[in-house]
Protein backbone atom coordinates (compact mmCIF):
# COMPACT_ATOMS: atom_id res chain seq x y z
CA MET A 1 0.00 0.00 0.00
CA THR A 2 1.44 3.33 -1.14
CA THR A 3 0.43 6.66 0.42
CA LEU A 4 -0.07 9.25 -2.32
CA TYR A 5 -1.33 12.13 -0.18
CA ARG A 6 -1.61 12.75 3.55
CA ASP A 7 -2.59 15.74 5.67
CA GLU A 8 -4.52 16.20 8.91
CA ASP A 9 -7.91 15.44 7.31
CA VAL A 10 -7.28 13.48 4.11
CA VAL A 11 -5.32 10.34 3.30
CA VAL A 12 -5.12 8.89 -0.21
CA THR A 13 -3.46 5.52 -0.56
CA SER A 14 -3.27 3.03 -3.40
CA THR A 15 -6.21 1.11 -1.87
CA HIS A 16 -8.24 3.56 0.29
CA LEU A 17 -9.47 7.11 0.53
CA ARG A 18 -10.04 8.58 4.00
CA ILE A 19 -11.61 12.01 4.47
CA GLY A 20 -12.25 12.96 8.07
CA ALA A 21 -13.82 10.00 9.85
CA GLN A 22 -15.09 8.31 6.67
CA SER A 23 -13.11 5.83 4.63
CA TRP A 24 -13.77 4.13 1.28
CA ARG A 25 -12.00 1.44 -0.67
CA LEU A 26 -11.04 2.71 -4.10
CA SER A 27 -12.96 -0.16 -5.65
CA GLU A 28 -16.16 1.37 -4.16
CA LEU A 29 -15.69 4.61 -6.11
CA GLU A 30 -17.52 3.99 -9.39
CA TYR A 31 -16.94 7.48 -10.81
CA VAL A 32 -15.15 10.56 -9.39
CA TRP A 33 -15.46 14.16 -10.60
CA HIS A 34 -14.92 17.68 -9.37
CA LYS A 35 -16.67 21.01 -9.76
CA GLU A 36 -16.49 24.58 -8.56
CA ALA A 37 -19.20 25.89 -6.26
CA ARG A 38 -20.18 29.49 -5.64
CA PRO A 39 -17.67 31.23 -3.40
CA ASP A 40 -18.70 31.95 0.16
CA TRP A 41 -17.95 35.09 2.18
CA ARG A 42 -14.43 33.88 3.13
CA VAL A 43 -13.39 33.42 -0.49
CA ARG A 44 -14.96 36.72 -1.51
CA GLY A 45 -13.19 38.38 1.43
CA ARG A 46 -9.86 36.93 0.28
CA THR A 47 -10.47 38.35 -3.21
CA ALA A 48 -11.50 41.74 -1.81
CA GLY A 49 -8.45 41.78 0.46
CA ARG A 50 -6.24 41.14 -2.56
CA GLY A 51 -7.79 44.17 -4.28
CA VAL A 52 -7.26 46.36 -1.23
CA LEU A 53 -3.61 45.33 -0.97
CA ASN A 54 -3.07 46.05 -4.69
CA ILE A 55 -4.58 49.52 -4.26
CA LEU A 56 -2.42 50.19 -1.19
CA LEU A 57 0.72 49.20 -3.09
CA ILE A 58 -0.14 51.61 -5.91
CA LEU A 59 -1.07 54.44 -3.54
CA SER A 60 2.12 53.95 -1.52
CA GLY A 61 4.13 54.60 -4.68
CA PHE A 62 2.28 57.88 -5.24
CA ALA A 63 2.65 58.81 -1.56
CA GLY A 64 6.38 58.15 -1.71
CA PHE A 65 6.72 60.42 -4.73
CA ILE A 66 4.74 63.20 -2.99
CA VAL A 67 6.88 62.89 0.15
CA LEU A 68 10.06 63.01 -1.93
CA VAL A 69 8.95 66.17 -3.76
CA SER A 70 7.85 67.76 -0.46
CA VAL A 71 11.18 67.05 1.27
CA ILE A 72 13.19 68.37 -1.68
CA SER A 73 11.12 71.56 -1.91
CA ALA A 74 11.23 72.09 1.88
CA GLY A 75 15.00 71.63 1.86
CA TYR A 76 15.37 74.09 -1.00
CA LEU A 77 13.24 76.72 0.76
CA GLU A 78 15.03 76.21 4.07
CA LEU A 79 18.42 76.47 2.34
CA LYS A 80 17.37 79.82 0.88
CA LEU A 81 16.50 81.12 4.38
CA GLY A 82 19.53 79.88 6.29
CA PRO A 83 22.91 78.19 5.87
CA ILE A 84 21.98 74.65 7.12
CA PRO A 85 18.50 73.12 6.55
CA THR A 86 18.29 71.44 9.99
CA LYS A 87 14.54 70.80 10.04
CA THR A 88 14.66 69.17 6.63
CA LEU A 89 17.64 67.06 7.65
CA VAL A 90 15.72 65.81 10.69
CA VAL A 91 12.74 64.94 8.46
CA VAL A 92 15.05 63.15 6.00
CA ALA A 93 16.63 61.17 8.87
CA ILE A 94 13.19 60.11 10.14
CA LEU A 95 12.07 59.17 6.63
CA LEU A 96 15.21 57.11 6.08
CA LEU A 97 14.60 55.31 9.36
CA LEU A 98 10.98 54.58 8.43
CA SER A 99 11.90 53.52 4.90
CA GLY A 100 13.75 50.56 6.41
CA PHE A 101 10.35 49.06 7.19
CA VAL A 102 9.01 49.52 3.64
CA PRO A 103 10.60 46.35 2.17
CA VAL A 104 9.27 44.27 5.06
CA ILE A 105 5.76 45.66 4.63
CA TYR A 106 5.89 45.26 0.84
CA GLU A 107 7.10 41.67 1.20
CA TRP A 108 4.22 40.88 3.55
CA MET A 109 1.69 42.49 1.21
CA LEU A 110 3.06 40.73 -1.87
CA SER A 111 3.13 37.35 -0.15
CA ARG A 112 -0.52 37.82 0.91
CA ILE A 113 -1.46 38.68 -2.68
CA ASP A 114 0.42 35.64 -4.03
CA GLU A 115 -1.22 33.37 -1.47
CA SER A 116 -4.68 34.61 -2.41
CA TYR A 117 -4.02 33.83 -6.09
CA ILE A 118 -2.71 30.37 -5.20
CA LYS A 119 -5.78 29.54 -3.10
CA GLY A 120 -8.13 30.53 -5.91
CA ASP A 121 -11.46 32.32 -6.14
CA ALA A 122 -13.97 29.51 -5.66
CA ILE A 123 -15.04 26.60 -3.50
CA TYR A 124 -13.81 23.30 -4.93
CA GLU A 125 -15.83 20.11 -4.50
CA MET A 126 -14.99 16.48 -5.16
CA TRP A 127 -17.89 14.13 -5.86
CA ALA A 128 -18.11 10.37 -6.34
CA ARG A 129 -20.69 7.79 -7.28
CA ILE A 130 -20.61 5.10 -4.59
CA HIS A 131 -23.02 2.17 -4.81
CA GLY A 132 -25.12 4.13 -7.31
CA GLN A 133 -25.47 7.24 -5.12
CA GLU A 134 -23.76 10.57 -5.72
CA LEU A 135 -21.85 11.73 -2.66
CA ARG A 136 -19.87 14.90 -2.08
CA LEU A 137 -16.58 13.72 -0.64
CA LEU A 138 -14.77 17.00 -0.12
CA ARG A 139 -15.40 20.76 -0.16
CA LEU A 140 -12.43 23.12 0.12
CA PRO A 141 -11.77 26.85 -0.46
CA ASP A 142 -8.08 26.16 -1.17
CA GLU A 143 -7.35 25.28 -4.82
CA ARG A 144 -3.76 24.21 -4.19
CA ARG A 145 -4.72 21.67 -1.52
CA PHE A 146 -7.74 20.48 -3.49
CA THR A 147 -5.75 19.82 -6.66
CA SER A 148 -3.10 17.92 -4.70
CA ILE A 149 -5.76 15.66 -3.22
CA TYR A 150 -7.61 15.19 -6.51
CA ARG A 151 -4.42 14.36 -8.44
CA ALA A 152 -3.41 11.84 -5.78
CA LEU A 153 -6.83 10.21 -6.02
CA GLN A 154 -6.60 10.11 -9.83
CA ARG A 155 -3.19 8.41 -9.63
CA ALA A 156 -4.52 5.92 -7.09
CA LEU A 157 -7.52 5.11 -9.26
CA GLU A 158 -5.29 4.64 -12.33
CA GLU A 159 -3.13 2.18 -10.38
CA ASP A 160 -6.17 0.31 -9.04
């Protein structure tokens, strides 16, 4: 018996499929298919969150440009009034200190956006005909995990 997929809820072997507390022999599965269901509020929230993060990334670029122009113009005006632009230098020092956090924040935002694309925009269901009855075996909002399970089951059924 070969294990093709295993996580905390699902185990696919060359002879059995176990999802949660239920288990089936592969020979019991007459026909297996998958389909996408309407997304629920969690999936829609993930998609909306992705849009918000994209907008924040774009707006942060504009904000950075505005801050840069403001600091340069303030430094120019202060230089005209006195020999050393101390206030502008303090602002530049604070901005440089804060800009050290920008890559960390951008990395977090980009990883969240990537993760939302990987998980997909739907609910994924796996169905099977067992003893003449159609039964939903699995329902997941995570496309990556679902496809791993479904591919493992397909390989197991091909071997069977």
